[in-house]
Each structure stands twice: as C-alpha cells, then as structure tokens.
Amino acid sequence: IQKKLDEQRRQQLELKKAGFNENEREKFLLYQSLEDAMYPYVRRFKDTIEKIVPRKKEMTFEGGHFSGPKFDRRALVRKAPVGDESFHMRPIDRPTGEPRLFIGLLVDNSGSMSGQKIGEARKTMIFFAKVCNDLGIPFTMSAFGYNADVIKSFRQDFENPGERIKPKLIDSTNASGGSTNMYDGIKITIDTMNEQRRR
C-alpha cells in the first residue's frame, strides 16, 4: 500500500511540475508517454547539432603553434633555450553566448490529421521544443485548423508549469480543427517571428 501511495504522490508532483491540473491526469499521461518516446532522440540530436548551431564568436588563443600575436609564457620558458619556436599562441574564434537563430514550429491540427499522424506531429513538436529549450534557442509553437492558435510565444518558458504550455500543446493538437486554414497558421507564425526579430 505504501508503495502505491508513494507512486501516486510522485506522479502528482510530476503532474504539477508539467503544468497539468488534477483533472487532467489522462492528458498528462499522454504527454509523458510522448516525451519519454522522444527522449533518446532528443539527447542524440542535441549532441550532434550543438556543434553547428550558429552562435556569436569571441576571439581567444590556443597554444603550441609557430605563429600568433600572443606568447604562451610557459611554453616560452621550456622551448626558447632549445631553439623551439612553437611557443606562440594561435588566435581562434570560439562560439560563445546564445545561439544566433530563433525557430517557429507550426503543426496542422485539421481533421485530416487524426490517428497516427497527429501522434507523430505531437512527438515532433515535443522533440523540437526539448532540443530548442536545452540549447537555449528561442522558439514559438503554433497550431492551425479552421483557426490558428499560438501554443507558446517566444517570451514564454516551455518548462514553467504556470505557463501551462504542455497541456495547451495536447489540447491544440487533437485533430479537431476542422478545415485546413494554412494561411492563418503561416501568418501567425511569421507575425510572431517578425516581432521577435524586431525585438
């Protein structure tokens, strides 16, 4: 009995941490299963993409090279007496700071997306949300059916339970959007991205 109570308490804490209410347990379990399914892909993709994400660059120096404007003093003491001239440091550009890009994610929530298609779309949104969030890449998420709806704006924190983004992601991607109003979906995404670029 104690084990069962502990499990319920743990699940209740996780539910609140993800921004779901007590009466949204089924939605939470759905979200959790989708996130768990994407976890290994997120980690692998993040490790690969982190090396090529464009960032601001800062000049720094590396040692042990024959040319460069800065001395490596430790190398100089060791190498100058024996005539080795590889005591200069080479200037290199090292990526630093926040990524120099931002991303808009847009998903079709029309009736034609029902079944497996909407499940894959949800997984894709969770995948990119986790990758962008982990790498510090600003992103927005929207869905469109008959109308378009912003799920997460650039200013919102994906992991903040008070923002209730994860429940909104499930609610806004249930293939109940009726017709496919792609124009509104693209327009709302472009508008939010233009606003972010101006800012």
N, C-alpha and C. Protein backbone atom coordinates (compact mmCIF):
# COMPACT_ATOMS: atom_id res chain seq x y z
N ILE A 1 0.83 -1.19 0.00
CA ILE A 1 0.00 0.00 0.00
C ILE A 1 0.88 1.26 0.00
N GLN A 2 1.93 1.24 0.81
CA GLN A 2 2.83 2.40 0.90
C GLN A 2 3.48 2.70 -0.45
N LYS A 3 3.85 1.62 -1.18
CA LYS A 3 4.49 1.77 -2.48
C LYS A 3 3.55 2.47 -3.45
N LYS A 4 2.28 2.05 -3.39
CA LYS A 4 1.27 2.63 -4.27
C LYS A 4 1.05 4.11 -3.95
N LEU A 5 1.02 4.43 -2.66
CA LEU A 5 0.85 5.83 -2.23
C LEU A 5 2.04 6.70 -2.65
N ASP A 6 3.24 6.14 -2.52
CA ASP A 6 4.45 6.87 -2.94
C ASP A 6 4.42 7.14 -4.45
N GLU A 7 4.00 6.13 -5.20
CA GLU A 7 3.91 6.27 -6.66
C GLU A 7 2.88 7.35 -7.04
N GLN A 8 1.74 7.35 -6.36
CA GLN A 8 0.71 8.35 -6.63
C GLN A 8 1.21 9.76 -6.29
N ARG A 9 1.94 9.87 -5.17
CA ARG A 9 2.48 11.16 -4.76
C ARG A 9 3.51 11.66 -5.77
N ARG A 10 4.37 10.75 -6.24
CA ARG A 10 5.39 11.11 -7.23
C ARG A 10 4.74 11.58 -8.52
N GLN A 11 3.71 10.84 -8.95
CA GLN A 11 3.00 11.19 -10.19
C GLN A 11 2.29 12.54 -10.06
N GLN A 12 1.75 12.79 -8.87
CA GLN A 12 1.06 14.06 -8.62
C GLN A 12 2.04 15.24 -8.70
N LEU A 13 3.25 15.05 -8.16
CA LEU A 13 4.28 16.08 -8.22
C LEU A 13 4.70 16.34 -9.67
N GLU A 14 4.89 15.27 -10.42
CA GLU A 14 5.29 15.40 -11.83
C GLU A 14 4.19 16.08 -12.64
N LEU A 15 2.94 15.75 -12.33
CA LEU A 15 1.79 16.34 -13.00
C LEU A 15 1.79 17.86 -12.80
N LYS A 16 2.00 18.30 -11.56
CA LYS A 16 2.04 19.74 -11.25
C LYS A 16 3.25 20.41 -11.90
N LYS A 17 4.37 19.72 -11.87
CA LYS A 17 5.61 20.26 -12.45
C LYS A 17 5.48 20.49 -13.95
N ALA A 18 4.65 19.67 -14.61
CA ALA A 18 4.44 19.81 -16.06
C ALA A 18 3.32 20.80 -16.38
N GLY A 19 2.64 21.32 -15.34
CA GLY A 19 1.61 22.33 -15.56
C GLY A 19 0.20 21.81 -15.76
N PHE A 20 -0.02 20.52 -15.46
CA PHE A 20 -1.35 19.91 -15.60
C PHE A 20 -2.12 20.00 -14.29
N ASN A 21 -3.43 20.15 -14.37
CA ASN A 21 -4.29 20.13 -13.19
C ASN A 21 -4.61 18.70 -12.81
N GLU A 22 -5.15 18.51 -11.61
CA GLU A 22 -5.50 17.18 -11.10
C GLU A 22 -6.50 16.46 -12.02
N ASN A 23 -7.41 17.20 -12.63
CA ASN A 23 -8.42 16.58 -13.51
C ASN A 23 -7.91 16.35 -14.94
N GLU A 24 -6.60 16.60 -15.15
CA GLU A 24 -6.01 16.40 -16.49
C GLU A 24 -5.02 15.25 -16.49
N ARG A 25 -5.23 14.29 -15.62
CA ARG A 25 -4.30 13.16 -15.48
C ARG A 25 -4.10 12.39 -16.79
N GLU A 26 -5.18 12.15 -17.52
CA GLU A 26 -5.07 11.40 -18.79
C GLU A 26 -4.22 12.16 -19.81
N LYS A 27 -4.44 13.47 -19.88
CA LYS A 27 -3.63 14.31 -20.79
C LYS A 27 -2.17 14.27 -20.39
N PHE A 28 -1.93 14.34 -19.07
CA PHE A 28 -0.56 14.30 -18.56
C PHE A 28 0.12 12.98 -18.92
N LEU A 29 -0.58 11.87 -18.72
CA LEU A 29 0.00 10.56 -19.05
C LEU A 29 0.29 10.44 -20.53
N LEU A 30 -0.58 11.03 -21.37
CA LEU A 30 -0.35 11.04 -22.82
C LEU A 30 0.90 11.85 -23.14
N TYR A 31 0.98 13.05 -22.56
CA TYR A 31 2.15 13.90 -22.80
C TYR A 31 3.43 13.20 -22.35
N GLN A 32 3.38 12.62 -21.16
CA GLN A 32 4.55 11.95 -20.59
C GLN A 32 5.03 10.80 -21.47
N SER A 33 4.07 10.02 -22.01
CA SER A 33 4.46 8.89 -22.87
C SER A 33 5.09 9.39 -24.17
N LEU A 34 4.59 10.51 -24.72
CA LEU A 34 5.16 11.09 -25.94
C LEU A 34 6.57 11.62 -25.66
N GLU A 35 6.74 12.30 -24.53
CA GLU A 35 8.05 12.85 -24.17
C GLU A 35 9.06 11.73 -23.92
N ASP A 36 8.63 10.68 -23.22
CA ASP A 36 9.52 9.54 -22.95
C ASP A 36 9.97 8.87 -24.25
N ALA A 37 9.05 8.79 -25.22
CA ALA A 37 9.38 8.16 -26.51
C ALA A 37 10.43 8.97 -27.27
N MET A 38 10.45 10.29 -27.06
CA MET A 38 11.37 11.15 -27.80
C MET A 38 12.70 11.38 -27.09
N TYR A 39 12.78 11.04 -25.81
CA TYR A 39 13.96 11.37 -25.00
C TYR A 39 15.30 10.92 -25.63
N PRO A 40 15.45 9.64 -26.05
CA PRO A 40 16.75 9.25 -26.61
C PRO A 40 17.10 10.00 -27.90
N TYR A 41 16.09 10.34 -28.70
CA TYR A 41 16.33 11.07 -29.95
C TYR A 41 16.75 12.51 -29.66
N VAL A 42 16.13 13.11 -28.64
CA VAL A 42 16.46 14.49 -28.25
C VAL A 42 17.92 14.57 -27.85
N ARG A 43 18.35 13.66 -26.99
CA ARG A 43 19.73 13.68 -26.49
C ARG A 43 20.74 13.50 -27.63
N ARG A 44 20.47 12.53 -28.51
CA ARG A 44 21.39 12.25 -29.62
C ARG A 44 21.47 13.43 -30.59
N PHE A 45 20.30 13.97 -30.94
CA PHE A 45 20.24 15.08 -31.89
C PHE A 45 20.91 16.33 -31.30
N LYS A 46 20.66 16.59 -30.02
CA LYS A 46 21.22 17.76 -29.34
C LYS A 46 22.74 17.69 -29.34
N ASP A 47 23.30 16.52 -29.03
CA ASP A 47 24.76 16.35 -29.01
C ASP A 47 25.37 16.63 -30.38
N THR A 48 24.64 16.26 -31.45
CA THR A 48 25.13 16.45 -32.82
C THR A 48 25.00 17.90 -33.26
N ILE A 49 23.83 18.48 -33.04
CA ILE A 49 23.53 19.81 -33.56
C ILE A 49 24.22 20.92 -32.79
N GLU A 50 24.56 20.66 -31.53
CA GLU A 50 25.18 21.69 -30.68
C GLU A 50 26.46 22.22 -31.29
N LYS A 51 27.17 21.35 -32.04
CA LYS A 51 28.46 21.74 -32.63
C LYS A 51 28.30 22.71 -33.79
N ILE A 52 27.11 22.72 -34.43
CA ILE A 52 26.95 23.55 -35.63
C ILE A 52 25.91 24.66 -35.48
N VAL A 53 25.31 24.79 -34.29
CA VAL A 53 24.35 25.88 -34.06
C VAL A 53 25.10 27.21 -34.14
N PRO A 54 24.65 28.14 -35.02
CA PRO A 54 25.38 29.41 -35.13
C PRO A 54 25.28 30.23 -33.84
N ARG A 55 26.42 30.67 -33.36
CA ARG A 55 26.47 31.47 -32.14
C ARG A 55 27.38 32.67 -32.37
N LYS A 56 27.31 33.64 -31.50
CA LYS A 56 28.26 34.76 -31.53
C LYS A 56 29.64 34.17 -31.28
N LYS A 57 30.65 34.78 -31.89
CA LYS A 57 32.01 34.26 -31.71
C LYS A 57 32.89 35.27 -31.00
N GLU A 58 33.80 34.73 -30.21
CA GLU A 58 34.71 35.55 -29.43
C GLU A 58 36.12 35.07 -29.71
N MET A 59 37.06 36.02 -29.96
CA MET A 59 38.43 35.60 -30.26
C MET A 59 39.14 35.19 -28.97
N THR A 60 39.80 34.06 -29.04
CA THR A 60 40.61 33.57 -27.92
C THR A 60 41.90 32.98 -28.49
N PHE A 61 42.75 32.41 -27.65
CA PHE A 61 44.04 31.91 -28.12
C PHE A 61 44.28 30.47 -27.70
N GLU A 62 44.92 29.74 -28.59
CA GLU A 62 45.33 28.35 -28.31
C GLU A 62 46.85 28.30 -28.36
N GLY A 63 47.47 27.46 -27.56
CA GLY A 63 48.93 27.41 -27.50
C GLY A 63 49.55 26.36 -28.40
N GLY A 64 50.88 26.38 -28.45
CA GLY A 64 51.63 25.33 -29.12
C GLY A 64 51.73 25.48 -30.62
N HIS A 65 51.69 26.72 -31.15
CA HIS A 65 51.76 26.92 -32.60
C HIS A 65 52.92 27.85 -32.94
N PHE A 66 53.37 27.87 -34.20
CA PHE A 66 54.55 28.63 -34.60
C PHE A 66 54.27 30.12 -34.80
N SER A 67 53.02 30.48 -35.01
CA SER A 67 52.74 31.90 -35.23
C SER A 67 51.57 32.34 -34.39
N GLY A 68 51.51 33.65 -34.14
CA GLY A 68 50.42 34.19 -33.34
C GLY A 68 50.88 35.41 -32.59
N PRO A 69 49.95 36.31 -32.27
CA PRO A 69 50.35 37.57 -31.65
C PRO A 69 50.55 37.48 -30.13
N LYS A 70 50.27 36.36 -29.53
CA LYS A 70 50.34 36.27 -28.08
C LYS A 70 51.29 35.14 -27.66
N PHE A 71 52.12 35.41 -26.67
CA PHE A 71 53.06 34.39 -26.17
C PHE A 71 52.37 33.46 -25.18
N ASP A 72 52.74 32.17 -25.28
CA ASP A 72 52.41 31.21 -24.23
C ASP A 72 53.64 31.18 -23.33
N ARG A 73 53.59 31.90 -22.22
CA ARG A 73 54.79 32.10 -21.39
C ARG A 73 55.37 30.79 -20.86
N ARG A 74 54.51 29.86 -20.52
CA ARG A 74 55.03 28.57 -20.01
C ARG A 74 55.81 27.84 -21.10
N ALA A 75 55.25 27.86 -22.33
CA ALA A 75 55.92 27.19 -23.43
C ALA A 75 57.23 27.91 -23.78
N LEU A 76 57.23 29.24 -23.66
CA LEU A 76 58.43 30.03 -23.96
C LEU A 76 59.60 29.62 -23.06
N VAL A 77 59.34 29.48 -21.77
CA VAL A 77 60.39 29.10 -20.81
C VAL A 77 60.96 27.72 -21.16
N ARG A 78 60.08 26.80 -21.55
CA ARG A 78 60.55 25.44 -21.85
C ARG A 78 61.25 25.33 -23.20
N LYS A 79 60.78 26.07 -24.19
CA LYS A 79 61.23 25.83 -25.57
C LYS A 79 62.29 26.79 -26.08
N ALA A 80 62.30 28.04 -25.56
CA ALA A 80 63.28 29.01 -26.07
C ALA A 80 64.74 28.54 -25.91
N PRO A 81 65.12 27.96 -24.75
CA PRO A 81 66.52 27.53 -24.59
C PRO A 81 66.97 26.48 -25.60
N VAL A 82 66.03 25.70 -26.14
CA VAL A 82 66.42 24.65 -27.09
C VAL A 82 66.09 25.04 -28.53
N GLY A 83 65.74 26.31 -28.73
CA GLY A 83 65.54 26.81 -30.09
C GLY A 83 64.21 26.42 -30.73
N ASP A 84 63.27 25.93 -29.93
CA ASP A 84 61.95 25.57 -30.46
C ASP A 84 61.07 26.83 -30.48
N GLU A 85 60.57 27.19 -31.66
CA GLU A 85 59.82 28.44 -31.78
C GLU A 85 58.30 28.26 -31.68
N SER A 86 57.86 27.10 -31.24
CA SER A 86 56.41 26.85 -31.18
C SER A 86 55.82 27.27 -29.85
N PHE A 87 56.18 28.48 -29.39
CA PHE A 87 55.68 28.96 -28.12
C PHE A 87 54.65 30.08 -28.27
N HIS A 88 54.30 30.42 -29.50
CA HIS A 88 53.26 31.42 -29.73
C HIS A 88 51.87 30.78 -29.58
N MET A 89 50.90 31.62 -29.34
CA MET A 89 49.52 31.14 -29.28
C MET A 89 48.77 31.58 -30.53
N ARG A 90 47.94 30.69 -31.05
CA ARG A 90 47.21 30.97 -32.28
C ARG A 90 45.84 31.58 -31.96
N PRO A 91 45.46 32.69 -32.61
CA PRO A 91 44.11 33.24 -32.39
C PRO A 91 43.04 32.36 -33.04
N ILE A 92 41.99 32.05 -32.31
CA ILE A 92 40.88 31.27 -32.88
C ILE A 92 39.55 31.92 -32.47
N ASP A 93 38.53 31.72 -33.30
CA ASP A 93 37.18 32.18 -32.96
C ASP A 93 36.45 31.04 -32.28
N ARG A 94 35.97 31.30 -31.07
CA ARG A 94 35.25 30.27 -30.32
C ARG A 94 33.80 30.70 -30.13
N PRO A 95 32.83 29.81 -30.50
CA PRO A 95 31.41 30.17 -30.32
C PRO A 95 31.10 30.45 -28.85
N THR A 96 30.36 31.49 -28.61
CA THR A 96 30.02 31.85 -27.23
C THR A 96 28.64 32.49 -27.20
N GLY A 97 28.06 32.56 -26.04
CA GLY A 97 26.78 33.25 -25.89
C GLY A 97 25.60 32.46 -26.44
N GLU A 98 24.49 33.14 -26.59
CA GLU A 98 23.26 32.48 -27.03
C GLU A 98 23.29 32.23 -28.53
N PRO A 99 22.56 31.21 -28.99
CA PRO A 99 22.51 30.92 -30.43
C PRO A 99 21.96 32.11 -31.22
N ARG A 100 22.47 32.28 -32.43
CA ARG A 100 22.04 33.40 -33.27
C ARG A 100 20.95 32.94 -34.23
N LEU A 101 19.91 32.39 -33.70
CA LEU A 101 18.76 32.00 -34.52
C LEU A 101 17.55 31.85 -33.62
N PHE A 102 16.37 31.84 -34.23
CA PHE A 102 15.15 31.52 -33.50
C PHE A 102 14.25 30.74 -34.44
N ILE A 103 13.35 29.94 -33.88
CA ILE A 103 12.61 28.95 -34.66
C ILE A 103 11.11 29.05 -34.41
N GLY A 104 10.33 28.89 -35.48
CA GLY A 104 8.88 28.81 -35.37
C GLY A 104 8.42 27.41 -35.75
N LEU A 105 7.69 26.76 -34.87
CA LEU A 105 7.15 25.41 -35.13
C LEU A 105 5.65 25.54 -35.38
N LEU A 106 5.18 24.94 -36.45
CA LEU A 106 3.78 25.04 -36.84
C LEU A 106 3.24 23.65 -37.16
N VAL A 107 2.09 23.28 -36.55
CA VAL A 107 1.53 21.94 -36.78
C VAL A 107 0.09 22.05 -37.28
N ASP A 108 -0.25 21.16 -38.19
CA ASP A 108 -1.60 21.07 -38.75
C ASP A 108 -2.49 20.33 -37.76
N ASN A 109 -3.56 20.98 -37.32
CA ASN A 109 -4.49 20.37 -36.36
C ASN A 109 -5.86 20.11 -37.00
N SER A 110 -5.91 20.04 -38.32
CA SER A 110 -7.19 19.82 -39.01
C SER A 110 -7.64 18.37 -38.85
N GLY A 111 -8.89 18.10 -39.18
CA GLY A 111 -9.47 16.76 -39.02
C GLY A 111 -8.73 15.68 -39.77
N SER A 112 -8.09 16.05 -40.89
CA SER A 112 -7.36 15.05 -41.69
C SER A 112 -6.13 14.51 -40.97
N MET A 113 -5.75 15.12 -39.86
CA MET A 113 -4.56 14.69 -39.11
C MET A 113 -4.88 13.65 -38.04
N SER A 114 -6.11 13.21 -37.95
CA SER A 114 -6.50 12.28 -36.88
C SER A 114 -5.73 10.96 -36.96
N GLY A 115 -5.66 10.29 -35.82
CA GLY A 115 -4.98 8.98 -35.75
C GLY A 115 -3.48 9.11 -35.57
N GLN A 116 -2.75 8.29 -36.30
CA GLN A 116 -1.30 8.21 -36.13
C GLN A 116 -0.60 9.52 -36.51
N LYS A 117 -1.14 10.24 -37.51
CA LYS A 117 -0.49 11.47 -37.98
C LYS A 117 -0.37 12.52 -36.88
N ILE A 118 -1.43 12.70 -36.10
CA ILE A 118 -1.37 13.72 -35.05
C ILE A 118 -0.45 13.28 -33.92
N GLY A 119 -0.37 11.96 -33.69
CA GLY A 119 0.57 11.43 -32.70
C GLY A 119 2.01 11.74 -33.08
N GLU A 120 2.33 11.57 -34.37
CA GLU A 120 3.69 11.86 -34.85
C GLU A 120 3.97 13.36 -34.82
N ALA A 121 2.94 14.16 -35.13
CA ALA A 121 3.10 15.62 -35.10
C ALA A 121 3.38 16.09 -33.67
N ARG A 122 2.66 15.52 -32.71
CA ARG A 122 2.90 15.87 -31.31
C ARG A 122 4.31 15.51 -30.88
N LYS A 123 4.75 14.31 -31.26
CA LYS A 123 6.11 13.88 -30.91
C LYS A 123 7.14 14.84 -31.50
N THR A 124 6.90 15.26 -32.74
CA THR A 124 7.83 16.18 -33.41
C THR A 124 7.88 17.51 -32.69
N MET A 125 6.73 18.02 -32.27
CA MET A 125 6.71 19.29 -31.54
C MET A 125 7.45 19.16 -30.21
N ILE A 126 7.22 18.08 -29.49
CA ILE A 126 7.90 17.86 -28.21
C ILE A 126 9.41 17.72 -28.43
N PHE A 127 9.78 17.00 -29.48
CA PHE A 127 11.19 16.80 -29.83
C PHE A 127 11.89 18.15 -30.04
N PHE A 128 11.33 18.99 -30.93
CA PHE A 128 11.96 20.27 -31.22
C PHE A 128 11.90 21.22 -30.03
N ALA A 129 10.80 21.17 -29.27
CA ALA A 129 10.70 22.02 -28.08
C ALA A 129 11.80 21.68 -27.08
N LYS A 130 12.04 20.39 -26.85
CA LYS A 130 13.07 19.97 -25.90
C LYS A 130 14.47 20.34 -26.41
N VAL A 131 14.71 20.12 -27.70
CA VAL A 131 16.03 20.45 -28.27
C VAL A 131 16.28 21.95 -28.17
N CYS A 132 15.30 22.77 -28.62
CA CYS A 132 15.46 24.23 -28.57
C CYS A 132 15.62 24.71 -27.14
N ASN A 133 14.82 24.17 -26.24
CA ASN A 133 14.89 24.57 -24.84
C ASN A 133 16.25 24.24 -24.24
N ASP A 134 16.76 23.04 -24.50
CA ASP A 134 18.05 22.61 -23.95
C ASP A 134 19.22 23.43 -24.51
N LEU A 135 19.11 23.85 -25.79
CA LEU A 135 20.20 24.59 -26.43
C LEU A 135 20.05 26.10 -26.26
N GLY A 136 18.97 26.53 -25.60
CA GLY A 136 18.76 27.96 -25.42
C GLY A 136 18.35 28.70 -26.67
N ILE A 137 17.72 27.98 -27.62
CA ILE A 137 17.27 28.59 -28.87
C ILE A 137 15.84 29.10 -28.67
N PRO A 138 15.59 30.40 -28.84
CA PRO A 138 14.23 30.91 -28.69
C PRO A 138 13.31 30.29 -29.75
N PHE A 139 12.10 29.88 -29.33
CA PHE A 139 11.18 29.26 -30.29
C PHE A 139 9.74 29.58 -29.94
N THR A 140 8.89 29.51 -30.96
CA THR A 140 7.45 29.66 -30.80
C THR A 140 6.78 28.43 -31.38
N MET A 141 5.60 28.08 -30.87
CA MET A 141 4.84 26.93 -31.37
C MET A 141 3.41 27.37 -31.65
N SER A 142 2.89 26.98 -32.81
CA SER A 142 1.51 27.30 -33.17
C SER A 142 0.86 26.09 -33.82
N ALA A 143 -0.48 26.10 -33.82
CA ALA A 143 -1.25 25.04 -34.49
C ALA A 143 -2.36 25.70 -35.29
N PHE A 144 -2.76 25.06 -36.37
CA PHE A 144 -3.84 25.62 -37.17
C PHE A 144 -4.79 24.52 -37.65
N GLY A 145 -6.06 24.88 -37.67
CA GLY A 145 -7.11 24.06 -38.27
C GLY A 145 -8.01 25.03 -38.98
N TYR A 146 -9.20 25.22 -38.47
CA TYR A 146 -10.08 26.28 -39.00
C TYR A 146 -9.52 27.64 -38.59
N ASN A 147 -9.00 27.73 -37.37
CA ASN A 147 -8.33 28.93 -36.86
C ASN A 147 -6.89 28.57 -36.51
N ALA A 148 -6.07 29.61 -36.31
CA ALA A 148 -4.69 29.40 -35.86
C ALA A 148 -4.57 29.84 -34.40
N ASP A 149 -3.70 29.15 -33.67
CA ASP A 149 -3.57 29.40 -32.23
C ASP A 149 -2.10 29.30 -31.83
N VAL A 150 -1.59 30.29 -31.10
CA VAL A 150 -0.22 30.23 -30.59
C VAL A 150 -0.21 29.36 -29.34
N ILE A 151 0.58 28.31 -29.33
CA ILE A 151 0.71 27.42 -28.17
C ILE A 151 1.74 27.98 -27.19
N LYS A 152 2.86 28.47 -27.75
CA LYS A 152 3.93 29.05 -26.93
C LYS A 152 4.52 30.23 -27.67
N SER A 153 4.59 31.36 -27.01
CA SER A 153 5.24 32.53 -27.61
C SER A 153 6.73 32.49 -27.30
N PHE A 154 7.49 33.36 -27.96
CA PHE A 154 8.94 33.41 -27.72
C PHE A 154 9.26 33.75 -26.28
N ARG A 155 8.44 34.58 -25.66
CA ARG A 155 8.75 35.05 -24.31
C ARG A 155 8.40 34.04 -23.23
N GLN A 156 7.59 33.06 -23.54
CA GLN A 156 7.18 32.07 -22.54
C GLN A 156 8.25 31.00 -22.33
N ASP A 157 8.31 30.49 -21.11
CA ASP A 157 9.25 29.43 -20.74
C ASP A 157 8.52 28.09 -20.88
N PHE A 158 9.03 27.22 -21.75
CA PHE A 158 8.40 25.94 -22.04
C PHE A 158 8.24 25.08 -20.79
N GLU A 159 9.21 25.15 -19.87
CA GLU A 159 9.21 24.29 -18.69
C GLU A 159 8.49 24.90 -17.48
N ASN A 160 8.02 26.13 -17.59
CA ASN A 160 7.34 26.77 -16.47
C ASN A 160 5.91 26.25 -16.34
N PRO A 161 5.57 25.55 -15.24
CA PRO A 161 4.22 24.99 -15.10
C PRO A 161 3.13 26.05 -15.09
N GLY A 162 3.47 27.26 -14.64
CA GLY A 162 2.48 28.34 -14.60
C GLY A 162 2.02 28.78 -15.99
N GLU A 163 2.86 28.55 -17.00
CA GLU A 163 2.50 28.92 -18.38
C GLU A 163 1.53 27.92 -19.00
N ARG A 164 1.48 26.69 -18.46
CA ARG A 164 0.59 25.62 -18.95
C ARG A 164 0.75 25.34 -20.45
N ILE A 165 1.99 25.34 -20.91
CA ILE A 165 2.24 25.11 -22.33
C ILE A 165 2.04 23.65 -22.72
N LYS A 166 2.46 22.73 -21.86
CA LYS A 166 2.33 21.30 -22.20
C LYS A 166 0.87 20.88 -22.30
N PRO A 167 -0.02 21.28 -21.35
CA PRO A 167 -1.44 20.97 -21.54
C PRO A 167 -2.01 21.60 -22.81
N LYS A 168 -1.55 22.84 -23.10
CA LYS A 168 -2.04 23.53 -24.29
C LYS A 168 -1.58 22.82 -25.56
N LEU A 169 -0.35 22.27 -25.51
CA LEU A 169 0.16 21.52 -26.65
C LEU A 169 -0.75 20.33 -26.96
N ILE A 170 -1.16 19.61 -25.91
CA ILE A 170 -2.05 18.46 -26.10
C ILE A 170 -3.43 18.91 -26.60
N ASP A 171 -3.97 19.98 -25.99
CA ASP A 171 -5.30 20.47 -26.38
C ASP A 171 -5.33 21.02 -27.81
N SER A 172 -4.25 21.68 -28.21
CA SER A 172 -4.22 22.33 -29.53
C SER A 172 -3.81 21.40 -30.66
N THR A 173 -3.48 20.16 -30.32
CA THR A 173 -3.07 19.19 -31.35
C THR A 173 -3.87 17.90 -31.19
N ASN A 174 -5.19 18.02 -31.32
CA ASN A 174 -6.05 16.83 -31.17
C ASN A 174 -6.83 16.51 -32.44
N ALA A 175 -6.38 17.09 -33.58
CA ALA A 175 -7.02 16.86 -34.89
C ALA A 175 -8.49 17.21 -34.89
N SER A 176 -8.86 18.26 -34.15
CA SER A 176 -10.27 18.67 -34.09
C SER A 176 -10.47 20.04 -34.72
N GLY A 177 -9.49 20.49 -35.50
CA GLY A 177 -9.53 21.85 -36.04
C GLY A 177 -10.38 22.05 -37.25
N GLY A 178 -11.10 21.03 -37.69
CA GLY A 178 -11.97 21.18 -38.87
C GLY A 178 -11.16 21.31 -40.14
N SER A 179 -11.38 22.41 -40.88
CA SER A 179 -10.72 22.58 -42.17
C SER A 179 -9.26 22.99 -42.00
N THR A 180 -8.53 23.03 -43.13
CA THR A 180 -7.09 23.31 -43.10
C THR A 180 -6.83 24.74 -43.53
N ASN A 181 -6.85 25.66 -42.56
CA ASN A 181 -6.61 27.07 -42.84
C ASN A 181 -5.12 27.36 -42.70
N MET A 182 -4.36 26.91 -43.72
CA MET A 182 -2.90 27.04 -43.66
C MET A 182 -2.46 28.50 -43.67
N TYR A 183 -3.22 29.36 -44.35
CA TYR A 183 -2.85 30.78 -44.44
C TYR A 183 -2.72 31.39 -43.04
N ASP A 184 -3.75 31.19 -42.19
CA ASP A 184 -3.72 31.77 -40.84
C ASP A 184 -2.56 31.20 -40.02
N GLY A 185 -2.30 29.89 -40.19
CA GLY A 185 -1.19 29.25 -39.47
C GLY A 185 0.15 29.86 -39.83
N ILE A 186 0.38 30.03 -41.13
CA ILE A 186 1.66 30.60 -41.58
C ILE A 186 1.74 32.07 -41.17
N LYS A 187 0.63 32.79 -41.30
CA LYS A 187 0.63 34.23 -40.97
C LYS A 187 0.93 34.45 -39.49
N ILE A 188 0.29 33.69 -38.61
CA ILE A 188 0.51 33.89 -37.17
C ILE A 188 1.96 33.56 -36.79
N THR A 189 2.53 32.56 -37.45
CA THR A 189 3.93 32.19 -37.18
C THR A 189 4.89 33.27 -37.69
N ILE A 190 4.65 33.76 -38.92
CA ILE A 190 5.50 34.81 -39.48
C ILE A 190 5.40 36.09 -38.64
N ASP A 191 4.19 36.43 -38.21
CA ASP A 191 4.00 37.64 -37.39
C ASP A 191 4.79 37.56 -36.08
N THR A 192 4.71 36.40 -35.41
CA THR A 192 5.43 36.26 -34.13
C THR A 192 6.94 36.25 -34.36
N MET A 193 7.39 35.67 -35.50
CA MET A 193 8.83 35.66 -35.79
C MET A 193 9.34 37.06 -36.16
N ASN A 194 8.52 37.82 -36.89
CA ASN A 194 8.90 39.20 -37.23
C ASN A 194 9.00 40.06 -35.97
N GLU A 195 8.07 39.84 -35.05
CA GLU A 195 8.09 40.57 -33.79
C GLU A 195 9.36 40.24 -32.99
N GLN A 196 9.73 38.96 -32.98
CA GLN A 196 10.94 38.53 -32.28
C GLN A 196 12.18 39.14 -32.94
N ARG A 197 12.21 39.18 -34.26
CA ARG A 197 13.35 39.74 -34.97
C ARG A 197 13.50 41.23 -34.68
N ARG A 198 12.36 41.97 -34.66
CA ARG A 198 12.40 43.40 -34.33
C ARG A 198 12.92 43.62 -32.92
N ARG A 199 12.50 42.74 -31.99
CA ARG A 199 12.91 42.87 -30.60
C ARG A 199 14.40 42.58 -30.45
